[in-house]
Amino acid sequence: MAGCGYTPAEIDDMTLHDVLGLFAYWREHPPTHELLKCVYGVERKPRPAAARDGADPSGIGGLIARHPNGFVRADGAGPPQR
């Protein structure tokens, strides 16, 4: 998406033939971001430890664990009983 400006839908619609053609073109004419990375040695910063170790800084995992069926009651009484 970054190199070509494609939308997710356009990428989903690509065939293997389209992708192979794009890769062949990039062998001769690499995308700008790849050239800059090579020339200037730009590398992605390592992800924070919390993102690597599976920690859940948003707390969404705890919410899902407390309400596994997806129902959250407005009065805070917890999931409905069956």
N, C-alpha and C. Protein backbone atom coordinates (compact mmCIF):
# COMPACT_ATOMS: atom_id res chain seq x y z
N MET A 1 0.82 -1.18 0.00
CA MET A 1 0.00 0.00 0.00
C MET A 1 0.87 1.25 0.00
N ALA A 2 1.92 1.25 0.84
CA ALA A 2 2.76 2.43 0.96
C ALA A 2 3.52 2.71 -0.34
N GLY A 3 4.01 1.67 -0.97
CA GLY A 3 4.83 1.85 -2.16
C GLY A 3 4.05 2.23 -3.40
N CYS A 4 2.80 1.80 -3.48
CA CYS A 4 2.02 2.01 -4.70
C CYS A 4 0.80 2.89 -4.52
N GLY A 5 0.40 3.11 -3.28
CA GLY A 5 -0.81 3.87 -3.05
C GLY A 5 -2.07 3.07 -3.28
N TYR A 6 -1.95 1.74 -3.25
CA TYR A 6 -3.12 0.89 -3.43
C TYR A 6 -3.99 0.91 -2.18
N THR A 7 -5.27 0.73 -2.38
CA THR A 7 -6.18 0.58 -1.25
C THR A 7 -6.19 -0.89 -0.85
N PRO A 8 -6.66 -1.21 0.36
CA PRO A 8 -6.76 -2.62 0.75
C PRO A 8 -7.61 -3.43 -0.24
N ALA A 9 -8.68 -2.83 -0.74
CA ALA A 9 -9.54 -3.55 -1.70
C ALA A 9 -8.78 -3.85 -2.99
N GLU A 10 -7.97 -2.90 -3.45
CA GLU A 10 -7.19 -3.14 -4.67
C GLU A 10 -6.18 -4.26 -4.45
N ILE A 11 -5.58 -4.30 -3.29
CA ILE A 11 -4.63 -5.37 -2.99
C ILE A 11 -5.34 -6.71 -2.93
N ASP A 12 -6.51 -6.74 -2.31
CA ASP A 12 -7.28 -7.99 -2.23
C ASP A 12 -7.66 -8.51 -3.61
N ASP A 13 -7.87 -7.59 -4.56
CA ASP A 13 -8.27 -7.99 -5.91
C ASP A 13 -7.10 -8.42 -6.79
N MET A 14 -5.87 -8.23 -6.31
CA MET A 14 -4.71 -8.59 -7.13
C MET A 14 -4.59 -10.11 -7.27
N THR A 15 -4.22 -10.52 -8.46
CA THR A 15 -3.96 -11.94 -8.70
C THR A 15 -2.48 -12.22 -8.47
N LEU A 16 -2.12 -13.48 -8.41
CA LEU A 16 -0.72 -13.85 -8.27
C LEU A 16 0.08 -13.30 -9.46
N HIS A 17 -0.51 -13.33 -10.63
CA HIS A 17 0.14 -12.78 -11.82
C HIS A 17 0.43 -11.29 -11.63
N ASP A 18 -0.52 -10.54 -11.07
CA ASP A 18 -0.31 -9.11 -10.81
C ASP A 18 0.84 -8.89 -9.84
N VAL A 19 0.87 -9.67 -8.77
CA VAL A 19 1.90 -9.52 -7.74
C VAL A 19 3.27 -9.86 -8.31
N LEU A 20 3.37 -10.94 -9.05
CA LEU A 20 4.66 -11.32 -9.64
C LEU A 20 5.14 -10.25 -10.62
N GLY A 21 4.22 -9.66 -11.36
CA GLY A 21 4.58 -8.58 -12.28
C GLY A 21 5.09 -7.37 -11.53
N LEU A 22 4.46 -7.04 -10.42
CA LEU A 22 4.91 -5.92 -9.60
C LEU A 22 6.30 -6.19 -9.02
N PHE A 23 6.53 -7.40 -8.54
CA PHE A 23 7.85 -7.74 -8.00
C PHE A 23 8.92 -7.68 -9.09
N ALA A 24 8.59 -8.12 -10.29
CA ALA A 24 9.55 -8.05 -11.40
C ALA A 24 9.89 -6.59 -11.71
N TYR A 25 8.89 -5.73 -11.70
CA TYR A 25 9.12 -4.31 -11.93
C TYR A 25 10.00 -3.73 -10.82
N TRP A 26 9.72 -4.11 -9.58
CA TRP A 26 10.50 -3.58 -8.45
C TRP A 26 11.95 -4.03 -8.47
N ARG A 27 12.24 -5.19 -9.10
CA ARG A 27 13.63 -5.62 -9.20
C ARG A 27 14.44 -4.60 -10.01
N GLU A 28 13.83 -4.00 -11.02
CA GLU A 28 14.50 -3.00 -11.85
C GLU A 28 14.32 -1.59 -11.31
N HIS A 29 13.19 -1.33 -10.67
CA HIS A 29 12.85 0.02 -10.20
C HIS A 29 12.27 -0.09 -8.78
N PRO A 30 13.14 -0.22 -7.77
CA PRO A 30 12.66 -0.40 -6.40
C PRO A 30 11.85 0.80 -5.91
N PRO A 31 10.91 0.55 -5.00
CA PRO A 31 10.13 1.65 -4.43
C PRO A 31 11.04 2.63 -3.67
N THR A 32 10.64 3.87 -3.64
CA THR A 32 11.43 4.92 -3.01
C THR A 32 11.76 4.61 -1.56
N HIS A 33 10.80 4.12 -0.81
CA HIS A 33 11.06 3.87 0.61
C HIS A 33 12.13 2.79 0.80
N GLU A 34 12.21 1.82 -0.10
CA GLU A 34 13.25 0.79 -0.01
C GLU A 34 14.61 1.38 -0.37
N LEU A 35 14.66 2.25 -1.38
CA LEU A 35 15.93 2.89 -1.74
C LEU A 35 16.46 3.74 -0.59
N LEU A 36 15.58 4.52 0.01
CA LEU A 36 16.00 5.37 1.13
C LEU A 36 16.48 4.54 2.31
N LYS A 37 15.82 3.43 2.55
CA LYS A 37 16.24 2.55 3.65
C LYS A 37 17.66 2.04 3.40
N CYS A 38 17.94 1.65 2.17
CA CYS A 38 19.27 1.13 1.83
C CYS A 38 20.33 2.24 1.87
N VAL A 39 20.03 3.39 1.31
CA VAL A 39 21.01 4.47 1.22
C VAL A 39 21.32 5.05 2.60
N TYR A 40 20.28 5.28 3.40
CA TYR A 40 20.47 5.94 4.69
C TYR A 40 20.50 4.99 5.88
N GLY A 41 20.35 3.71 5.62
CA GLY A 41 20.39 2.75 6.70
C GLY A 41 19.23 2.88 7.68
N VAL A 42 18.11 3.36 7.20
CA VAL A 42 16.95 3.55 8.07
C VAL A 42 16.35 2.18 8.38
N GLU A 43 16.22 1.91 9.65
CA GLU A 43 15.61 0.66 10.09
C GLU A 43 14.45 0.97 11.02
N ARG A 44 13.50 0.08 11.05
CA ARG A 44 12.36 0.23 11.96
C ARG A 44 12.84 0.08 13.38
N LYS A 45 12.34 0.94 14.27
CA LYS A 45 12.70 0.85 15.68
C LYS A 45 12.08 -0.42 16.25
N PRO A 46 12.78 -1.07 17.17
CA PRO A 46 12.21 -2.27 17.79
C PRO A 46 10.91 -1.92 18.52
N ARG A 47 9.99 -2.85 18.48
CA ARG A 47 8.72 -2.63 19.18
C ARG A 47 8.96 -2.62 20.68
N PRO A 48 8.17 -1.86 21.42
CA PRO A 48 8.31 -1.86 22.88
C PRO A 48 8.09 -3.26 23.45
N ALA A 49 8.68 -3.54 24.58
CA ALA A 49 8.59 -4.86 25.19
C ALA A 49 7.14 -5.27 25.42
N ALA A 50 6.28 -4.33 25.79
CA ALA A 50 4.87 -4.65 26.04
C ALA A 50 4.21 -5.22 24.79
N ALA A 51 4.56 -4.71 23.62
CA ALA A 51 3.96 -5.21 22.38
C ALA A 51 4.52 -6.58 22.00
N ARG A 52 5.77 -6.87 22.39
CA ARG A 52 6.38 -8.14 22.04
C ARG A 52 5.94 -9.28 22.94
N ASP A 53 5.74 -8.99 24.23
CA ASP A 53 5.49 -10.08 25.17
C ASP A 53 4.02 -10.43 25.31
N GLY A 54 3.18 -9.86 24.48
CA GLY A 54 1.76 -10.19 24.51
C GLY A 54 0.98 -9.42 25.57
N ALA A 55 1.62 -8.44 26.21
CA ALA A 55 0.91 -7.63 27.20
C ALA A 55 -0.23 -6.90 26.51
N ASP A 56 -1.21 -6.53 27.27
CA ASP A 56 -2.39 -5.89 26.72
C ASP A 56 -2.56 -4.52 27.35
N PRO A 57 -1.82 -3.50 26.86
CA PRO A 57 -1.90 -2.18 27.48
C PRO A 57 -3.28 -1.55 27.36
N SER A 58 -4.08 -1.96 26.39
CA SER A 58 -5.41 -1.36 26.23
C SER A 58 -6.41 -1.92 27.23
N GLY A 59 -6.12 -3.12 27.79
CA GLY A 59 -7.05 -3.74 28.72
C GLY A 59 -8.18 -4.49 28.05
N ILE A 60 -8.19 -4.55 26.73
CA ILE A 60 -9.29 -5.20 26.02
C ILE A 60 -9.33 -6.70 26.32
N GLY A 61 -8.16 -7.31 26.55
CA GLY A 61 -8.13 -8.74 26.86
C GLY A 61 -8.87 -9.05 28.15
N GLY A 62 -8.70 -8.20 29.16
CA GLY A 62 -9.42 -8.41 30.42
C GLY A 62 -10.91 -8.25 30.24
N LEU A 63 -11.32 -7.29 29.43
CA LEU A 63 -12.74 -7.08 29.16
C LEU A 63 -13.34 -8.29 28.46
N ILE A 64 -12.63 -8.82 27.49
CA ILE A 64 -13.10 -10.01 26.78
C ILE A 64 -13.18 -11.20 27.72
N ALA A 65 -12.20 -11.34 28.61
CA ALA A 65 -12.20 -12.46 29.56
C ALA A 65 -13.39 -12.36 30.52
N ARG A 66 -13.74 -11.14 30.93
CA ARG A 66 -14.87 -10.97 31.85
C ARG A 66 -16.22 -11.15 31.17
N HIS A 67 -16.27 -10.94 29.86
CA HIS A 67 -17.54 -11.00 29.12
C HIS A 67 -17.34 -11.84 27.86
N PRO A 68 -17.09 -13.15 28.01
CA PRO A 68 -16.74 -13.97 26.85
C PRO A 68 -17.85 -14.09 25.81
N ASN A 69 -19.09 -13.90 26.20
CA ASN A 69 -20.17 -14.00 25.22
C ASN A 69 -20.45 -12.68 24.53
N GLY A 70 -19.72 -11.62 24.92
CA GLY A 70 -19.85 -10.33 24.26
C GLY A 70 -20.89 -9.41 24.84
N PHE A 71 -21.63 -9.85 25.84
CA PHE A 71 -22.66 -9.02 26.45
C PHE A 71 -22.08 -8.25 27.63
N VAL A 72 -22.22 -6.95 27.61
CA VAL A 72 -21.79 -6.11 28.72
C VAL A 72 -23.03 -5.35 29.19
N ARG A 73 -23.41 -5.56 30.44
CA ARG A 73 -24.60 -4.90 30.97
C ARG A 73 -24.28 -3.49 31.41
N ALA A 74 -25.18 -2.57 31.14
CA ALA A 74 -24.98 -1.16 31.45
C ALA A 74 -24.90 -0.92 32.95
N ASP A 75 -25.56 -1.77 33.76
CA ASP A 75 -25.55 -1.55 35.21
C ASP A 75 -24.30 -2.13 35.86
N GLY A 76 -23.40 -2.74 35.08
CA GLY A 76 -22.15 -3.26 35.58
C GLY A 76 -22.28 -4.56 36.35
N ALA A 77 -23.43 -5.21 36.24
CA ALA A 77 -23.66 -6.45 37.00
C ALA A 77 -22.96 -7.65 36.41
N GLY A 78 -22.31 -7.48 35.29
CA GLY A 78 -21.61 -8.61 34.68
C GLY A 78 -22.44 -9.26 33.59
N PRO A 79 -21.96 -10.39 33.09
CA PRO A 79 -22.66 -11.02 31.97
C PRO A 79 -24.00 -11.59 32.44
N PRO A 80 -24.99 -11.61 31.53
CA PRO A 80 -26.28 -12.18 31.90
C PRO A 80 -26.17 -13.66 32.20
N GLN A 81 -26.94 -14.11 33.13
CA GLN A 81 -26.94 -15.54 33.50
C GLN A 81 -27.89 -16.30 32.59
N ARG A 82 -27.55 -17.53 32.32
CA ARG A 82 -28.40 -18.36 31.45
C ARG A 82 -29.14 -19.37 32.24
